[in-house]
PDB file of N, CA and C in Angstrom:
ATOM      1  N   MET A   1      28.387 -17.981 -80.281  1.00  0.00           N
ATOM      2  CA  MET A   1      29.612 -18.425 -79.702  1.00  0.00           C
ATOM      3  C   MET A   1      29.779 -17.677 -78.384  1.00  0.00           C
ATOM      4  N   ILE A   2      30.334 -18.334 -77.400  1.00  0.00           N
ATOM      5  CA  ILE A   2      30.565 -17.711 -76.106  1.00  0.00           C
ATOM      6  C   ILE A   2      32.067 -17.658 -75.852  1.00  0.00           C
ATOM      7  N   LEU A   3      32.564 -16.471 -75.560  1.00  0.00           N
ATOM      8  CA  LEU A   3      33.973 -16.281 -75.223  1.00  0.00           C
ATOM      9  C   LEU A   3      34.082 -16.238 -73.706  1.00  0.00           C
ATOM     10  N   ARG A   4      34.927 -17.088 -73.147  1.00  0.00           N
ATOM     11  CA  ARG A   4      35.158 -17.075 -71.701  1.00  0.00           C
ATOM     12  C   ARG A   4      36.613 -16.719 -71.466  1.00  0.00           C
ATOM     13  N   ARG A   5      36.820 -15.728 -70.632  1.00  0.00           N
ATOM     14  CA  ARG A   5      38.176 -15.272 -70.336  1.00  0.00           C
ATOM     15  C   ARG A   5      38.416 -15.307 -68.841  1.00  0.00           C
ATOM     16  N   ARG A   6      39.559 -15.841 -68.454  1.00  0.00           N
ATOM     17  CA  ARG A   6      39.978 -15.770 -67.057  1.00  0.00           C
ATOM     18  C   ARG A   6      40.917 -14.597 -66.923  1.00  0.00           C
ATOM     19  N   ARG A   7      40.654 -13.777 -65.945  1.00  0.00           N
ATOM     20  CA  ARG A   7      41.497 -12.614 -65.697  1.00  0.00           C
ATOM     21  C   ARG A   7      42.049 -12.707 -64.291  1.00  0.00           C
ATOM     22  N   LEU A   8      42.953 -11.830 -63.991  1.00  0.00           N
ATOM     23  CA  LEU A   8      43.573 -11.817 -62.674  1.00  0.00           C
ATOM     24  C   LEU A   8      42.535 -11.702 -61.563  1.00  0.00           C
ATOM     25  N   PHE A   9      41.496 -10.891 -61.802  1.00  0.00           N
ATOM     26  CA  PHE A   9      40.475 -10.673 -60.779  1.00  0.00           C
ATOM     27  C   PHE A   9      39.133 -11.240 -61.198  1.00  0.00           C
ATOM     28  N   GLY A  10      39.105 -12.487 -61.621  1.00  0.00           N
ATOM     29  CA  GLY A  10      37.844 -13.124 -61.950  1.00  0.00           C
ATOM     30  C   GLY A  10      37.748 -13.546 -63.398  1.00  0.00           C
ATOM     31  N   ARG A  11      36.541 -13.821 -63.823  1.00  0.00           N
ATOM     32  CA  ARG A  11      36.280 -14.301 -65.177  1.00  0.00           C
ATOM     33  C   ARG A  11      35.279 -13.381 -65.843  1.00  0.00           C
ATOM     34  N   SER A  12      35.306 -13.402 -67.172  1.00  0.00           N
ATOM     35  CA  SER A  12      34.288 -12.659 -67.915  1.00  0.00           C
ATOM     36  C   SER A  12      33.750 -13.561 -69.016  1.00  0.00           C
ATOM     37  N   THR A  13      32.504 -13.363 -69.341  1.00  0.00           N
ATOM     38  CA  THR A  13      31.848 -14.135 -70.389  1.00  0.00           C
ATOM     39  C   THR A  13      31.179 -13.164 -71.344  1.00  0.00           C
ATOM     40  N   ARG A  14      31.314 -13.447 -72.626  1.00  0.00           N
ATOM     41  CA  ARG A  14      30.693 -12.587 -73.638  1.00  0.00           C
ATOM     42  C   ARG A  14      30.112 -13.474 -74.720  1.00  0.00           C
ATOM     43  N   SER A  15      28.891 -13.176 -75.115  1.00  0.00           N
ATOM     44  CA  SER A  15      28.270 -13.879 -76.239  1.00  0.00           C
ATOM     45  C   SER A  15      28.571 -13.107 -77.509  1.00  0.00           C
ATOM     46  N   LEU A  16      28.924 -13.822 -78.553  1.00  0.00           N
ATOM     47  CA  LEU A  16      29.257 -13.211 -79.829  1.00  0.00           C
ATOM     48  C   LEU A  16      28.570 -14.010 -80.920  1.00  0.00           C
ATOM     49  N   ARG A  17      27.729 -13.346 -81.702  1.00  0.00           N
ATOM     50  CA  ARG A  17      27.034 -14.037 -82.793  1.00  0.00           C
ATOM     51  C   ARG A  17      28.015 -14.349 -83.902  1.00  0.00           C
ATOM     52  N   LEU A  18      28.000 -15.572 -84.373  1.00  0.00           N
ATOM     53  CA  LEU A  18      28.902 -15.951 -85.465  1.00  0.00           C
ATOM     54  C   LEU A  18      28.695 -15.066 -86.688  1.00  0.00           C
ATOM     55  N   SER A  19      27.464 -14.699 -86.953  1.00  0.00           N
ATOM     56  CA  SER A  19      27.176 -13.889 -88.135  1.00  0.00           C
ATOM     57  C   SER A  19      27.762 -12.478 -88.039  1.00  0.00           C
ATOM     58  N   SER A  20      28.165 -12.040 -86.835  1.00  0.00           N
ATOM     59  CA  SER A  20      28.740 -10.710 -86.689  1.00  0.00           C
ATOM     60  C   SER A  20      30.253 -10.694 -86.890  1.00  0.00           C
ATOM     61  N   ILE A  21      30.868 -11.867 -87.057  1.00  0.00           N
ATOM     62  CA  ILE A  21      32.322 -11.938 -87.232  1.00  0.00           C
ATOM     63  C   ILE A  21      32.683 -11.646 -88.687  1.00  0.00           C
ATOM     64  N   LEU A  22      33.523 -10.635 -88.866  1.00  0.00           N
ATOM     65  CA  LEU A  22      33.970 -10.250 -90.204  1.00  0.00           C
ATOM     66  C   LEU A  22      35.330 -10.843 -90.536  1.00  0.00           C
ATOM     67  N   ALA A  23      36.166 -11.013 -89.516  1.00  0.00           N
ATOM     68  CA  ALA A  23      37.504 -11.562 -89.725  1.00  0.00           C
ATOM     69  C   ALA A  23      38.004 -12.136 -88.409  1.00  0.00           C
ATOM     70  N   VAL A  24      39.019 -12.983 -88.521  1.00  0.00           N
ATOM     71  CA  VAL A  24      39.637 -13.590 -87.351  1.00  0.00           C
ATOM     72  C   VAL A  24      41.130 -13.271 -87.422  1.00  0.00           C
ATOM     73  N   GLU A  25      41.628 -12.656 -86.375  1.00  0.00           N
ATOM     74  CA  GLU A  25      43.049 -12.318 -86.296  1.00  0.00           C
ATOM     75  C   GLU A  25      43.689 -13.266 -85.290  1.00  0.00           C
ATOM     76  N   PHE A  26      44.733 -13.985 -85.706  1.00  0.00           N
ATOM     77  CA  PHE A  26      45.374 -14.959 -84.828  1.00  0.00           C
ATOM     78  C   PHE A  26      46.862 -14.661 -84.737  1.00  0.00           C
ATOM     79  N   ARG A  27      47.353 -14.613 -83.518  1.00  0.00           N
ATOM     80  CA  ARG A  27      48.784 -14.489 -83.258  1.00  0.00           C
ATOM     81  C   ARG A  27      49.134 -15.621 -82.308  1.00  0.00           C
ATOM     82  N   PRO A  28      49.986 -16.563 -82.725  1.00  0.00           N
ATOM     83  CA  PRO A  28      50.288 -17.712 -81.871  1.00  0.00           C
ATOM     84  C   PRO A  28      51.061 -17.324 -80.618  1.00  0.00           C
ATOM     85  N   GLY A  29      50.841 -18.076 -79.556  1.00  0.00           N
ATOM     86  CA  GLY A  29      51.593 -17.878 -78.326  1.00  0.00           C
ATOM     87  C   GLY A  29      53.010 -18.397 -78.505  1.00  0.00           C
ATOM     88  N   GLY A  30      53.937 -17.774 -77.823  1.00  0.00           N
ATOM     89  CA  GLY A  30      55.341 -18.179 -77.920  1.00  0.00           C
ATOM     90  C   GLY A  30      55.887 -18.555 -76.563  1.00  0.00           C
ATOM     91  N   SER A  31      57.190 -18.736 -76.498  1.00  0.00           N
ATOM     92  CA  SER A  31      57.812 -19.143 -75.237  1.00  0.00           C
ATOM     93  C   SER A  31      57.914 -17.984 -74.250  1.00  0.00           C
ATOM     94  N   THR A  32      57.895 -16.751 -74.737  1.00  0.00           N
ATOM     95  CA  THR A  32      58.025 -15.609 -73.837  1.00  0.00           C
ATOM     96  C   THR A  32      56.746 -14.793 -73.672  1.00  0.00           C
ATOM     97  N   ALA A  33      55.799 -14.943 -74.584  1.00  0.00           N
ATOM     98  CA  ALA A  33      54.562 -14.152 -74.493  1.00  0.00           C
ATOM     99  C   ALA A  33      53.388 -14.948 -75.044  1.00  0.00           C
ATOM    100  N   ASN A  34      52.215 -14.694 -74.493  1.00  0.00           N
ATOM    101  CA  ASN A  34      51.002 -15.311 -75.008  1.00  0.00           C
ATOM    102  C   ASN A  34      50.629 -14.690 -76.347  1.00  0.00           C
ATOM    103  N   GLY A  35      49.875 -15.417 -77.115  1.00  0.00           N
ATOM    104  CA  GLY A  35      49.311 -14.901 -78.349  1.00  0.00           C
ATOM    105  C   GLY A  35      47.842 -14.624 -78.120  1.00  0.00           C
ATOM    106  N   TYR A  36      47.103 -14.467 -79.208  1.00  0.00           N
ATOM    107  CA  TYR A  36      45.670 -14.194 -79.063  1.00  0.00           C
ATOM    108  C   TYR A  36      44.923 -14.565 -80.329  1.00  0.00           C
ATOM    109  N   ILE A  37      43.616 -14.762 -80.171  1.00  0.00           N
ATOM    110  CA  ILE A  37      42.704 -14.871 -81.299  1.00  0.00           C
ATOM    111  C   ILE A  37      41.670 -13.754 -81.091  1.00  0.00           C
ATOM    112  N   HIS A  38      41.517 -12.929 -82.111  1.00  0.00           N
ATOM    113  CA  HIS A  38      40.639 -11.763 -82.028  1.00  0.00           C
ATOM    114  C   HIS A  38      39.567 -11.910 -83.090  1.00  0.00           C
ATOM    115  N   PHE A  39      38.328 -11.808 -82.679  1.00  0.00           N
ATOM    116  CA  PHE A  39      37.196 -11.888 -83.592  1.00  0.00           C
ATOM    117  C   PHE A  39      36.770 -10.472 -83.928  1.00  0.00           C
ATOM    118  N   LEU A  40      37.037 -10.041 -85.146  1.00  0.00           N
ATOM    119  CA  LEU A  40      36.699  -8.685 -85.564  1.00  0.00           C
ATOM    120  C   LEU A  40      35.239  -8.619 -85.970  1.00  0.00           C
ATOM    121  N   THR A  41      34.557  -7.628 -85.444  1.00  0.00           N
ATOM    122  CA  THR A  41      33.153  -7.391 -85.750  1.00  0.00           C
ATOM    123  C   THR A  41      33.025  -5.981 -86.305  1.00  0.00           C
ATOM    124  N   TYR A  42      31.817  -5.583 -86.645  1.00  0.00           N
ATOM    125  CA  TYR A  42      31.600  -4.231 -87.156  1.00  0.00           C
ATOM    126  C   TYR A  42      32.135  -3.209 -86.164  1.00  0.00           C
ATOM    127  N   GLY A  43      32.937  -2.272 -86.639  1.00  0.00           N
ATOM    128  CA  GLY A  43      33.461  -1.211 -85.788  1.00  0.00           C
ATOM    129  C   GLY A  43      34.758  -1.529 -85.080  1.00  0.00           C
ATOM    130  N   SER A  44      35.226  -2.779 -85.132  1.00  0.00           N
ATOM    131  CA  SER A  44      36.486  -3.107 -84.474  1.00  0.00           C
ATOM    132  C   SER A  44      37.639  -3.027 -85.472  1.00  0.00           C
ATOM    133  N   THR A  45      38.834  -2.885 -84.951  1.00  0.00           N
ATOM    134  CA  THR A  45      40.020  -2.800 -85.802  1.00  0.00           C
ATOM    135  C   THR A  45      41.036  -3.853 -85.368  1.00  0.00           C
ATOM    136  N   PRO A  46      41.894  -4.300 -86.289  1.00  0.00           N
ATOM    137  CA  PRO A  46      42.925  -5.281 -85.923  1.00  0.00           C
ATOM    138  C   PRO A  46      43.879  -4.713 -84.875  1.00  0.00           C
ATOM    139  N   HIS A  47      44.495  -5.594 -84.095  1.00  0.00           N
ATOM    140  CA  HIS A  47      45.436  -5.174 -83.056  1.00  0.00           C
ATOM    141  C   HIS A  47      46.816  -4.859 -83.626  1.00  0.00           C
ATOM    142  N   ASP A  48      47.135  -5.352 -84.814  1.00  0.00           N
ATOM    143  CA  ASP A  48      48.449  -5.136 -85.438  1.00  0.00           C
ATOM    144  C   ASP A  48      49.599  -5.541 -84.521  1.00  0.00           C
ATOM    145  N   GLY A  49      49.431  -6.660 -83.833  1.00  0.00           N
ATOM    146  CA  GLY A  49      50.497  -7.180 -82.979  1.00  0.00           C
ATOM    147  C   GLY A  49      50.603  -6.515 -81.621  1.00  0.00           C
ATOM    148  N   ASN A  50      49.700  -5.601 -81.295  1.00  0.00           N
ATOM    149  CA  ASN A  50      49.742  -4.893 -80.022  1.00  0.00           C
ATOM    150  C   ASN A  50      49.118  -5.763 -78.935  1.00  0.00           C
ATOM    151  N   LEU A  51      49.948  -6.410 -78.135  1.00  0.00           N
ATOM    152  CA  LEU A  51      49.471  -7.342 -77.119  1.00  0.00           C
ATOM    153  C   LEU A  51      48.659  -6.640 -76.039  1.00  0.00           C
ATOM    154  N   ARG A  52      49.034  -5.424 -75.686  1.00  0.00           N
ATOM    155  CA  ARG A  52      48.294  -4.674 -74.659  1.00  0.00           C
ATOM    156  C   ARG A  52      46.855  -4.400 -75.117  1.00  0.00           C
ATOM    157  N   ALA A  53      46.695  -4.039 -76.381  1.00  0.00           N
ATOM    158  CA  ALA A  53      45.349  -3.804 -76.924  1.00  0.00           C
ATOM    159  C   ALA A  53      44.559  -5.104 -76.954  1.00  0.00           C
ATOM    160  N   ALA A  54      45.227  -6.207 -77.261  1.00  0.00           N
ATOM    161  CA  ALA A  54      44.552  -7.504 -77.304  1.00  0.00           C
ATOM    162  C   ALA A  54      44.036  -7.903 -75.932  1.00  0.00           C
ATOM    163  N   ILE A  55      44.824  -7.671 -74.907  1.00  0.00           N
ATOM    164  CA  ILE A  55      44.430  -8.037 -73.548  1.00  0.00           C
ATOM    165  C   ILE A  55      43.168  -7.282 -73.131  1.00  0.00           C
ATOM    166  N   ALA A  56      43.058  -6.035 -73.526  1.00  0.00           N
ATOM    167  CA  ALA A  56      41.933  -5.199 -73.105  1.00  0.00           C
ATOM    168  C   ALA A  56      40.666  -5.416 -73.927  1.00  0.00           C
ATOM    169  N   ASN A  57      40.770  -6.050 -75.084  1.00  0.00           N
ATOM    170  CA  ASN A  57      39.630  -6.179 -75.991  1.00  0.00           C
ATOM    171  C   ASN A  57      38.711  -7.318 -75.570  1.00  0.00           C
ATOM    172  N   VAL A  58      37.404  -7.056 -75.518  1.00  0.00           N
ATOM    173  CA  VAL A  58      36.443  -8.075 -75.080  1.00  0.00           C
ATOM    174  C   VAL A  58      36.227  -9.173 -76.119  1.00  0.00           C
ATOM    175  N   ASP A  59      36.598  -8.942 -77.364  1.00  0.00           N
ATOM    176  CA  ASP A  59      36.427  -9.941 -78.420  1.00  0.00           C
ATOM    177  C   ASP A  59      37.715 -10.714 -78.698  1.00  0.00           C
ATOM    178  N   THR A  60      38.621 -10.711 -77.733  1.00  0.00           N
ATOM    179  CA  THR A  60      39.909 -11.374 -77.877  1.00  0.00           C
ATOM    180  C   THR A  60      40.088 -12.397 -76.770  1.00  0.00           C
ATOM    181  N   VAL A  61      40.638 -13.549 -77.123  1.00  0.00           N
ATOM    182  CA  VAL A  61      40.964 -14.589 -76.152  1.00  0.00           C
ATOM    183  C   VAL A  61      42.469 -14.819 -76.236  1.00  0.00           C
ATOM    184  N   MET A  62      43.131 -14.799 -75.089  1.00  0.00           N
ATOM    185  CA  MET A  62      44.573 -15.015 -75.055  1.00  0.00           C
ATOM    186  C   MET A  62      44.876 -16.496 -75.292  1.00  0.00           C
ATOM    187  N   VAL A  63      46.020 -16.753 -75.951  1.00  0.00           N
ATOM    188  CA  VAL A  63      46.402 -18.110 -76.340  1.00  0.00           C
ATOM    189  C   VAL A  63      47.802 -18.406 -75.813  1.00  0.00           C
ATOM    190  N   ALA A  64      47.927 -19.438 -74.987  1.00  0.00           N
ATOM    191  CA  ALA A  64      49.244 -19.886 -74.524  1.00  0.00           C
ATOM    192  C   ALA A  64      49.875 -20.765 -75.606  1.00  0.00           C
ATOM    193  N   ALA A  65      51.176 -20.910 -75.562  1.00  0.00           N
ATOM    194  CA  ALA A  65      51.882 -21.711 -76.563  1.00  0.00           C
ATOM    195  C   ALA A  65      51.335 -23.141 -76.628  1.00  0.00           C
ATOM    196  N   SER A  66      50.947 -23.694 -75.493  1.00  0.00           N
ATOM    197  CA  SER A  66      50.417 -25.063 -75.469  1.00  0.00           C
ATOM    198  C   SER A  66      49.067 -25.179 -76.174  1.00  0.00           C
ATOM    199  N   GLN A  67      48.369 -24.050 -76.370  1.00  0.00           N
ATOM    200  CA  GLN A  67      47.059 -24.057 -77.018  1.00  0.00           C
ATOM    201  C   GLN A  67      47.135 -23.752 -78.515  1.00  0.00           C
ATOM    202  N   ASN A  68      48.314 -23.455 -79.012  1.00  0.00           N
ATOM    203  CA  ASN A  68      48.475 -23.053 -80.415  1.00  0.00           C
ATOM    204  C   ASN A  68      47.835 -23.997 -81.429  1.00  0.00           C
ATOM    205  N   PRO A  69      47.942 -25.322 -81.285  1.00  0.00           N
ATOM    206  CA  PRO A  69      47.387 -26.193 -82.324  1.00  0.00           C
ATOM    207  C   PRO A  69      45.877 -26.053 -82.537  1.00  0.00           C
ATOM    208  N   ALA A  70      45.123 -25.743 -81.509  1.00  0.00           N
ATOM    209  CA  ALA A  70      43.665 -25.697 -81.632  1.00  0.00           C
ATOM    210  C   ALA A  70      43.150 -24.412 -82.272  1.00  0.00           C
ATOM    211  N   PHE A  71      43.816 -23.310 -82.066  1.00  0.00           N
ATOM    212  CA  PHE A  71      43.255 -22.032 -82.474  1.00  0.00           C
ATOM    213  C   PHE A  71      43.320 -21.738 -83.975  1.00  0.00           C
ATOM    214  N   PRO A  72      44.373 -22.111 -84.701  1.00  0.00           N
ATOM    215  CA  PRO A  72      44.313 -21.904 -86.156  1.00  0.00           C
ATOM    216  C   PRO A  72      43.167 -22.687 -86.794  1.00  0.00           C
ATOM    217  N   ARG A  73      42.903 -23.868 -86.261  1.00  0.00           N
ATOM    218  CA  ARG A  73      41.790 -24.659 -86.791  1.00  0.00           C
ATOM    219  C   ARG A  73      40.462 -23.969 -86.502  1.00  0.00           C
ATOM    220  N   LEU A  74      40.306 -23.399 -85.307  1.00  0.00           N
ATOM    221  CA  LEU A  74      39.090 -22.658 -84.981  1.00  0.00           C
ATOM    222  C   LEU A  74      38.904 -21.495 -85.950  1.00  0.00           C
ATOM    223  N   ALA A  75      39.967 -20.744 -86.202  1.00  0.00           N
ATOM    224  CA  ALA A  75      39.886 -19.614 -87.141  1.00  0.00           C
ATOM    225  C   ALA A  75      39.502 -20.101 -88.532  1.00  0.00           C
ATOM    226  N   SER A  76      40.083 -21.202 -88.959  1.00  0.00           N
ATOM    227  CA  SER A  76      39.776 -21.767 -90.270  1.00  0.00           C
ATOM    228  C   SER A  76      38.334 -22.246 -90.344  1.00  0.00           C
ATOM    229  N   ASP A  77      37.871 -22.906 -89.293  1.00  0.00           N
ATOM    230  CA  ASP A  77      36.483 -23.395 -89.262  1.00  0.00           C
ATOM    231  C   ASP A  77      35.486 -22.239 -89.336  1.00  0.00           C
ATOM    232  N   ILE A  78      35.764 -21.160 -88.634  1.00  0.00           N
ATOM    233  CA  ILE A  78      34.855 -20.012 -88.659  1.00  0.00           C
ATOM    234  C   ILE A  78      34.800 -19.403 -90.048  1.00  0.00           C
ATOM    235  N   THR A  79      35.947 -19.265 -90.695  1.00  0.00           N
ATOM    236  CA  THR A  79      35.942 -18.677 -92.033  1.00  0.00           C
ATOM    237  C   THR A  79      35.338 -19.622 -93.065  1.00  0.00           C
ATOM    238  N   THR A  80      35.335 -20.910 -92.789  1.00  0.00           N
ATOM    239  CA  THR A  80      34.673 -21.872 -93.677  1.00  0.00           C
ATOM    240  C   THR A  80      33.158 -21.737 -93.553  1.00  0.00           C
ATOM    241  N   VAL A  81      32.685 -21.602 -92.322  1.00  0.00           N
ATOM    242  CA  VAL A  81      31.249 -21.473 -92.080  1.00  0.00           C
ATOM    243  C   VAL A  81      30.732 -20.115 -92.542  1.00  0.00           C
ATOM    244  N   LEU A  82      31.537 -19.100 -92.382  1.00  0.00           N
ATOM    245  CA  LEU A  82      31.146 -17.729 -92.756  1.00  0.00           C
ATOM    246  C   LEU A  82      32.008 -17.270 -93.923  1.00  0.00           C
ATOM    247  N   PRO A  83      31.563 -17.482 -95.144  1.00  0.00           N
ATOM    248  CA  PRO A  83      32.374 -17.163 -96.308  1.00  0.00           C
ATOM    249  C   PRO A  83      32.805 -15.698 -96.373  1.00  0.00           C
ATOM    250  N   ALA A  84      32.064 -14.786 -95.752  1.00  0.00           N
ATOM    251  CA  ALA A  84      32.434 -13.377 -95.791  1.00  0.00           C
ATOM    252  C   ALA A  84      33.581 -13.049 -94.847  1.00  0.00           C
ATOM    253  N   ALA A  85      33.860 -13.938 -93.879  1.00  0.00           N
ATOM    254  CA  ALA A  85      34.929 -13.692 -92.917  1.00  0.00           C
ATOM    255  C   ALA A  85      36.279 -14.075 -93.515  1.00  0.00           C
ATOM    256  N   SER A  86      37.330 -13.462 -93.003  1.00  0.00           N
ATOM    257  CA  SER A  86      38.674 -13.781 -93.462  1.00  0.00           C
ATOM    258  C   SER A  86      39.609 -13.922 -92.281  1.00  0.00           C
ATOM    259  N   ILE A  87      40.759 -14.551 -92.510  1.00  0.00           N
ATOM    260  CA  ILE A  87      41.780 -14.691 -91.485  1.00  0.00           C
ATOM    261  C   ILE A  87      42.840 -13.635 -91.723  1.00  0.00           C
ATOM    262  N   LEU A  88      43.149 -12.851 -90.710  1.00  0.00           N
ATOM    263  CA  LEU A  88      44.195 -11.823 -90.831  1.00  0.00           C
ATOM    264  C   LEU A  88      45.489 -12.347 -90.286  1.00  0.00           C
TER     265      LEU A  88
END
Protein backbone atom coordinates (compact mmCIF):
# COMPACT_ATOMS: atom_id res chain seq x y z
CA MET A 1 0.00 0.00 0.00
CA ILE A 2 1.26 3.50 -0.73
CA LEU A 3 0.42 6.41 1.57
CA ARG A 4 0.50 9.82 -0.11
CA ARG A 5 0.33 12.91 2.03
CA ARG A 6 0.13 16.53 0.99
CA ARG A 7 1.82 18.88 3.39
CA LEU A 8 2.21 22.61 3.55
CA PHE A 9 5.67 22.36 1.96
CA GLY A 10 5.22 19.58 -0.56
CA ARG A 11 4.17 15.96 -0.64
CA SER A 12 5.48 12.78 0.88
CA THR A 13 5.07 9.19 -0.21
CA ARG A 14 5.59 6.10 1.90
CA SER A 15 5.24 2.44 1.01
CA LEU A 16 3.69 0.27 3.69
CA ARG A 17 3.39 -3.51 3.41
CA LEU A 18 -0.10 -4.71 4.20
CA SER A 19 1.34 -7.63 6.14
CA SER A 20 3.06 -5.19 8.54
CA ILE A 21 -0.24 -3.59 9.65
CA LEU A 22 -1.28 -4.76 13.11
CA ALA A 23 -4.21 -2.40 13.65
CA VAL A 24 -6.01 0.53 12.08
CA GLU A 25 -6.89 3.56 14.18
CA PHE A 26 -9.57 5.83 12.69
CA ARG A 27 -10.80 9.18 13.96
CA PRO A 28 -13.39 10.82 11.68
CA GLY A 29 -12.96 14.39 10.51
CA GLY A 30 -15.37 16.93 11.93
CA SER A 31 -16.54 20.44 11.16
CA THR A 32 -13.75 22.07 13.18
CA ALA A 33 -10.84 19.62 12.86
CA ASN A 34 -9.58 16.94 10.51
CA GLY A 35 -9.52 13.33 11.58
CA TYR A 36 -7.02 10.65 10.65
CA ILE A 37 -6.47 7.02 9.77
CA HIS A 38 -3.36 5.55 11.37
CA PHE A 39 -1.87 2.22 10.34
CA LEU A 40 -0.16 0.72 13.38
CA THR A 41 2.88 -1.41 12.67
CA TYR A 42 5.44 -3.11 14.89
CA GLY A 43 6.83 -0.57 17.35
CA SER A 44 4.15 2.08 16.82
CA THR A 45 1.62 3.19 19.41
CA PRO A 46 -1.93 4.57 19.08
CA HIS A 47 -2.33 8.36 19.02
CA ASP A 48 -5.12 8.30 21.66
CA GLY A 49 -6.85 11.25 20.00
CA ASN A 50 -3.69 13.38 19.89
CA LEU A 51 -4.05 15.24 16.59
CA ARG A 52 -0.56 16.78 16.79
CA ALA A 53 1.01 13.31 17.06
CA ALA A 54 -1.13 12.12 14.15
CA ILE A 55 0.03 14.95 11.91
CA ALA A 56 3.69 14.11 12.55
CA ASN A 57 3.37 10.34 12.08
CA VAL A 58 4.45 8.92 8.70
CA ASP A 59 1.92 6.07 8.92
CA THR A 60 -1.03 8.43 9.32
CA VAL A 61 -3.20 10.07 6.67
CA MET A 62 -5.34 13.07 7.60
CA VAL A 63 -9.08 12.81 6.85
CA ALA A 64 -11.37 15.76 6.08
CA ALA A 65 -15.04 15.53 7.01
CA SER A 66 -15.96 15.14 3.33
CA GLN A 67 -13.76 12.00 3.15
CA ASN A 68 -15.28 10.28 6.20
CA PRO A 69 -17.45 7.77 4.28
CA ALA A 70 -14.50 6.13 2.49
CA PHE A 71 -12.10 5.62 5.37
CA PRO A 72 -14.10 3.37 7.74
CA ARG A 73 -14.61 1.04 4.79
CA LEU A 74 -10.86 1.06 4.07
CA ALA A 75 -10.14 0.18 7.71
CA SER A 76 -12.73 -2.60 7.57
CA ASP A 77 -11.36 -3.97 4.29
CA ILE A 78 -7.82 -4.10 5.68
CA THR A 79 -8.91 -5.96 8.79
CA THR A 80 -10.90 -8.38 6.62
CA VAL A 81 -7.85 -9.14 4.47
CA LEU A 82 -5.53 -9.32 7.48
CA PRO A 83 -7.29 -11.32 10.19
CA ALA A 84 -4.57 -10.45 12.73
CA ALA A 85 -5.25 -6.71 12.36
CA SER A 86 -7.88 -4.90 14.39
CA ILE A 87 -9.69 -1.57 14.30
CA LEU A 88 -9.03 0.73 17.27
